[in-house]
Each structure stands twice: as structure tokens, then as C-alpha cells.
Protein backbone atom coordinates (compact mmCIF):
# COMPACT_ATOMS: atom_id res chain seq x y z
CA UNK A 1 -132.93 -50.40 125.64
CA UNK A 2 -134.38 -46.90 125.57
CA UNK A 3 -137.72 -46.22 123.91
CA UNK A 4 -137.92 -43.83 120.97
CA UNK A 5 -139.17 -40.36 121.88
CA UNK A 6 -139.12 -38.59 118.51
CA UNK A 7 -139.28 -39.40 114.86
CA UNK A 8 -136.68 -37.41 112.91
CA UNK A 9 -136.68 -37.89 109.15
CA UNK A 10 -138.69 -41.10 109.44
CA UNK A 11 -136.31 -42.64 112.00
CA UNK A 12 -137.19 -43.14 115.64
CA UNK A 13 -134.67 -41.38 117.87
CA UNK A 14 -133.93 -41.99 121.54
CA UNK A 15 -132.68 -39.49 124.10
CA UNK A 16 -129.18 -40.98 123.84
CA UNK A 17 -129.18 -40.40 120.06
CA UNK A 18 -130.20 -36.77 120.59
CA UNK A 19 -127.36 -36.22 123.08
CA UNK A 20 -124.80 -37.77 120.72
CA UNK A 21 -125.93 -35.64 117.78
CA UNK A 22 -125.99 -32.48 119.92
CA UNK A 23 -122.21 -32.77 120.34
CA UNK A 24 -121.60 -32.58 116.55
CA UNK A 25 -124.32 -30.31 115.16
CA UNK A 26 -126.75 -27.71 116.48
CA UNK A 27 -129.69 -29.31 118.25
CA UNK A 28 -132.21 -26.93 116.72
CA UNK A 29 -131.20 -27.94 113.18
CA UNK A 30 -131.24 -31.63 114.07
CA UNK A 31 -134.69 -31.56 115.65
CA UNK A 32 -136.32 -29.49 112.87
CA UNK A 33 -139.33 -31.44 111.58
CA UNK A 34 -139.25 -33.91 114.48
CA UNK A 35 -142.54 -35.47 115.51
CA UNK A 36 -143.28 -37.14 118.84
CA UNK A 37 -143.62 -40.91 118.75
CA UNK A 38 -146.73 -42.33 120.38
CA UNK A 39 -145.54 -44.50 123.23
CA UNK A 40 -147.32 -47.77 123.87
CA UNK A 41 -149.47 -47.71 126.95
CA UNK A 42 -149.51 -50.64 129.26
CA UNK A 43 -152.62 -52.74 128.91
CA UNK A 44 -154.95 -52.75 131.91
CA UNK A 45 -154.75 -56.05 133.79
CA UNK A 46 -157.74 -58.33 133.44
CA UNK A 47 -160.05 -59.09 136.35
CA UNK A 48 -158.81 -62.67 136.41
CA UNK A 49 -155.21 -61.47 136.69
CA UNK A 50 -156.09 -59.06 139.51
CA UNK A 51 -157.94 -61.81 141.43
CA UNK A 52 -155.05 -64.25 140.95
CA UNK A 53 -152.53 -61.69 142.16
CA UNK A 54 -154.68 -60.92 145.22
CA UNK A 55 -154.80 -64.63 146.08
CA UNK A 56 -151.04 -64.94 145.64
CA UNK A 57 -150.46 -61.87 147.82
CA UNK A 58 -152.68 -63.35 150.54
CA UNK A 59 -150.81 -66.65 150.36
CA UNK A 60 -147.47 -64.81 150.54
CA UNK A 61 -148.59 -62.73 153.52
CA UNK A 62 -149.79 -65.87 155.29
CA UNK A 63 -146.46 -67.65 154.70
CA UNK A 64 -144.57 -64.55 155.87
CA UNK A 65 -146.71 -64.48 159.01
CA UNK A 66 -146.06 -68.18 159.62
CA UNK A 67 -142.32 -67.56 159.20
CA UNK A 68 -142.53 -64.60 161.56
CA UNK A 69 -144.23 -66.59 164.31
CA UNK A 70 -141.90 -69.53 163.77
CA UNK A 71 -144.45 -72.08 162.58
CA UNK A 72 -143.21 -75.14 160.76
CA UNK A 73 -143.31 -75.00 156.98
CA UNK A 74 -145.55 -78.07 156.72
CA UNK A 75 -148.09 -76.39 158.98
CA UNK A 76 -148.51 -73.25 156.89
CA UNK A 77 -150.73 -74.64 154.17
CA UNK A 78 -154.09 -73.66 152.85
CA UNK A 79 -157.02 -76.07 152.95
CA UNK A 80 -160.37 -75.31 151.39
CA UNK A 81 -159.51 -71.65 150.96
CA UNK A 82 -158.79 -71.21 154.69
CA UNK A 83 -155.28 -71.31 156.13
CA UNK A 84 -154.39 -73.42 159.15
CA UNK A 85 -153.69 -70.38 161.28
CA UNK A 86 -157.15 -69.01 160.46
CA UNK A 87 -158.70 -72.33 161.48
CA UNK A 88 -156.65 -72.30 164.67
CA UNK A 89 -157.74 -68.73 165.46
CA UNK A 90 -161.37 -69.65 164.80
CA UNK A 91 -161.16 -72.61 167.16
CA UNK A 92 -159.49 -70.57 169.90
CA UNK A 93 -162.10 -67.83 169.62
CA UNK A 94 -164.88 -70.44 169.71
CA UNK A 95 -163.45 -72.05 172.85
CA UNK A 96 -163.11 -68.62 174.46
CA UNK A 97 -166.70 -67.80 173.46
CA UNK A 98 -168.02 -71.05 175.00
CA UNK A 99 -166.12 -70.45 178.24
CA UNK A 100 -167.32 -66.85 178.43
CA UNK A 101 -170.92 -67.93 177.85
CA UNK A 102 -170.60 -70.62 180.52
CA UNK A 103 -169.28 -68.05 183.00
CA UNK A 104 -172.13 -65.65 182.15
CA UNK A 105 -174.81 -68.31 182.59
CA UNK A 106 -173.23 -69.54 185.84
CA UNK A 107 -173.14 -65.95 187.15
CA UNK A 108 -176.73 -65.35 186.10
CA UNK A 109 -177.87 -68.56 187.82
CA UNK A 110 -175.97 -67.47 190.95
CA UNK A 111 -177.81 -64.15 191.05
CA UNK A 112 -181.20 -65.72 190.23
CA UNK A 113 -180.90 -67.98 193.25
CA UNK A 114 -180.00 -65.19 195.66
CA UNK A 115 -182.36 -66.35 198.44
CA UNK A 116 -181.49 -70.06 198.28
CA UNK A 117 -178.99 -71.90 200.44
CA UNK A 118 -175.37 -71.70 199.18
CA UNK A 119 -175.25 -75.39 198.21
CA UNK A 120 -178.27 -74.91 195.93
CA UNK A 121 -176.78 -71.76 194.42
CA UNK A 122 -173.45 -73.44 193.69
CA UNK A 123 -175.02 -76.60 192.27
CA UNK A 124 -177.48 -74.70 190.05
CA UNK A 125 -174.75 -72.34 188.81
CA UNK A 126 -172.31 -75.13 187.97
CA UNK A 127 -175.00 -77.39 186.49
CA UNK A 128 -176.38 -74.67 184.21
CA UNK A 129 -172.86 -73.67 183.10
CA UNK A 130 -171.86 -77.28 182.38
CA UNK A 131 -175.09 -78.07 180.50
CA UNK A 132 -174.65 -74.97 178.38
CA UNK A 133 -171.00 -75.84 177.71
CA UNK A 134 -171.94 -79.37 176.60
CA UNK A 135 -174.74 -78.11 174.35
CA UNK A 136 -172.54 -75.47 172.72
CA UNK A 137 -169.76 -78.01 172.17
CA UNK A 138 -172.20 -80.41 170.49
CA UNK A 139 -173.58 -77.61 168.31
CA UNK A 140 -170.07 -76.53 167.28
CA UNK A 141 -169.11 -80.12 166.45
CA UNK A 142 -172.24 -80.46 164.29
CA UNK A 143 -171.40 -77.17 162.58
CA UNK A 144 -167.87 -78.38 161.78
CA UNK A 145 -169.18 -81.68 160.43
CA UNK A 146 -171.69 -79.83 158.24
CA UNK A 147 -168.94 -77.58 156.90
CA UNK A 148 -166.75 -80.60 156.15
CA UNK A 149 -169.68 -82.34 154.43
CA UNK A 150 -170.36 -79.25 152.31
CA UNK A 151 -166.66 -79.11 151.31
CA UNK A 152 -166.78 -82.79 150.38
CA UNK A 153 -169.92 -82.27 148.28
CA UNK A 154 -168.42 -79.23 146.59
CA UNK A 155 -165.26 -81.19 145.74
CA UNK A 156 -167.34 -84.09 144.47
CA UNK A 157 -169.45 -81.75 142.34
CA UNK A 158 -166.36 -80.12 140.84
CA UNK A 159 -164.92 -83.57 140.05
CA UNK A 160 -168.22 -84.54 138.51
CA UNK A 161 -168.23 -81.43 136.32
CA UNK A 162 -164.69 -82.21 135.22
CA UNK A 163 -165.77 -85.74 134.25
CA UNK A 164 -163.70 -87.47 136.93
CA UNK A 165 -166.64 -89.17 138.67
CA UNK A 166 -169.02 -91.74 137.17
CA UNK A 167 -172.30 -90.32 135.92
CA UNK A 168 -174.37 -91.54 138.90
CA UNK A 169 -175.28 -88.78 141.30
CA UNK A 170 -175.47 -89.21 145.03
CA UNK A 171 -178.72 -88.01 146.54
CA UNK A 172 -178.56 -86.11 149.84
CA UNK A 173 -180.23 -89.05 151.61
CA UNK A 174 -177.34 -91.27 150.52
CA UNK A 175 -179.11 -93.35 147.88
CA UNK A 176 -177.97 -93.38 144.27
CA UNK A 177 -180.07 -91.73 141.61
CA UNK A 178 -179.88 -91.76 137.86
CA UNK A 179 -178.56 -88.64 136.18
CA UNK A 180 -181.17 -86.04 135.26
CA UNK A 181 -181.02 -86.90 131.56
CA UNK A 182 -182.18 -90.46 132.32
CA UNK A 183 -184.97 -89.57 134.73
CA UNK A 184 -188.32 -89.82 132.93
CA UNK A 185 -190.02 -87.11 135.00
CA UNK A 186 -187.52 -84.52 133.72
CA UNK A 187 -187.81 -85.40 130.03
CA UNK A 188 -189.69 -82.90 127.94
CA UNK A 189 -192.93 -83.98 126.34
CA UNK A 190 -192.60 -84.27 122.57
């Protein structure tokens, strides 16, 4: 349905109406006294709408990428705001980083022991590289467990805000505490 462009004699007229009338009477006479009709402008999208659309576009791009590389459909999900392929890329880059660091430390130990016998050079180079690899692996595992713990706490806090969890709060040390409204030290003096 075409939108009205002009108002002729109190009636809104479309371009198709103007063409039909131009066949039967002079256009100048028909359009005498015509006034333009204010067209409705599209409302600007809200910030919430824009953010939602950006998230949907990102999800669509990720699923298109997964389809392109031939990943299984069940594998192309999103967990905690991060897609599986992003997690996989992060893990691969971390492994590459650890191996590169191990090679650099082994090479440095080799050059530091330039005037030692070859057996000492080899053993110190390999030992320092392996120790560094073990330490970095332990640190990365602790980092991942801390991230998982933070996600769990965030999910628990959001459930608590939604009223899905009992009113007892879990303290960071693992012991239960009373909610803030029941703790005497937080009550205001009257």
C-alpha cells in the first residue's frame, strides 16, 4: 500500500491516484491547492534493541562460521558469553604460548651454560624448560578454575536476585552467613 504524498481537498492522495487522475483531467487543475502530507519518520531504535541485535548478529556469525568449518551443530553453542570455538582458540593459543616460552627458556639456559660440558648444558636446558612448562600449566589450570568459580558465583548471585535461591548467603570461605538484614552489626542505630 502506497503512502499518501499530498492532501488534495482534504483527502490524502498517493502517486497512483495522481497518475489515474492525470489521464482524465489536467494535472495542474487537479493539484491546485494541494499540500504535502508529513510522512511519519521511523523511530530511532532503543539502546536495548541495538545491543540485542548486535548479540544476535554475533551469534549468527558464529553459527555461520561453525557451518563453514564443518563443526557439528551441537558443538556450536555459547556458554557464559563465550562460544566454544573461542574457548578452543584460547586453549590452543595458551598451549602454543607455553611451548614457545619453554623453548625460549631452554635456549636461554643453553646459552648461559656455554662453558659447561654438553651433558650439563642439555640437562639444565631441559630441566628449566620442563619446570617452566609445569609451572605455567599449573597456573593456567588455577586461572581456569578461578574463572569457573566466578561464573558459578555470578550465576548463583543472579538466581539469588531472582528469588530462586534460599535467603542464606554463602560466604567466600564456604561457611553460611545470615542475610545482611538479619546481621546485627549492619542494623542502623535507632
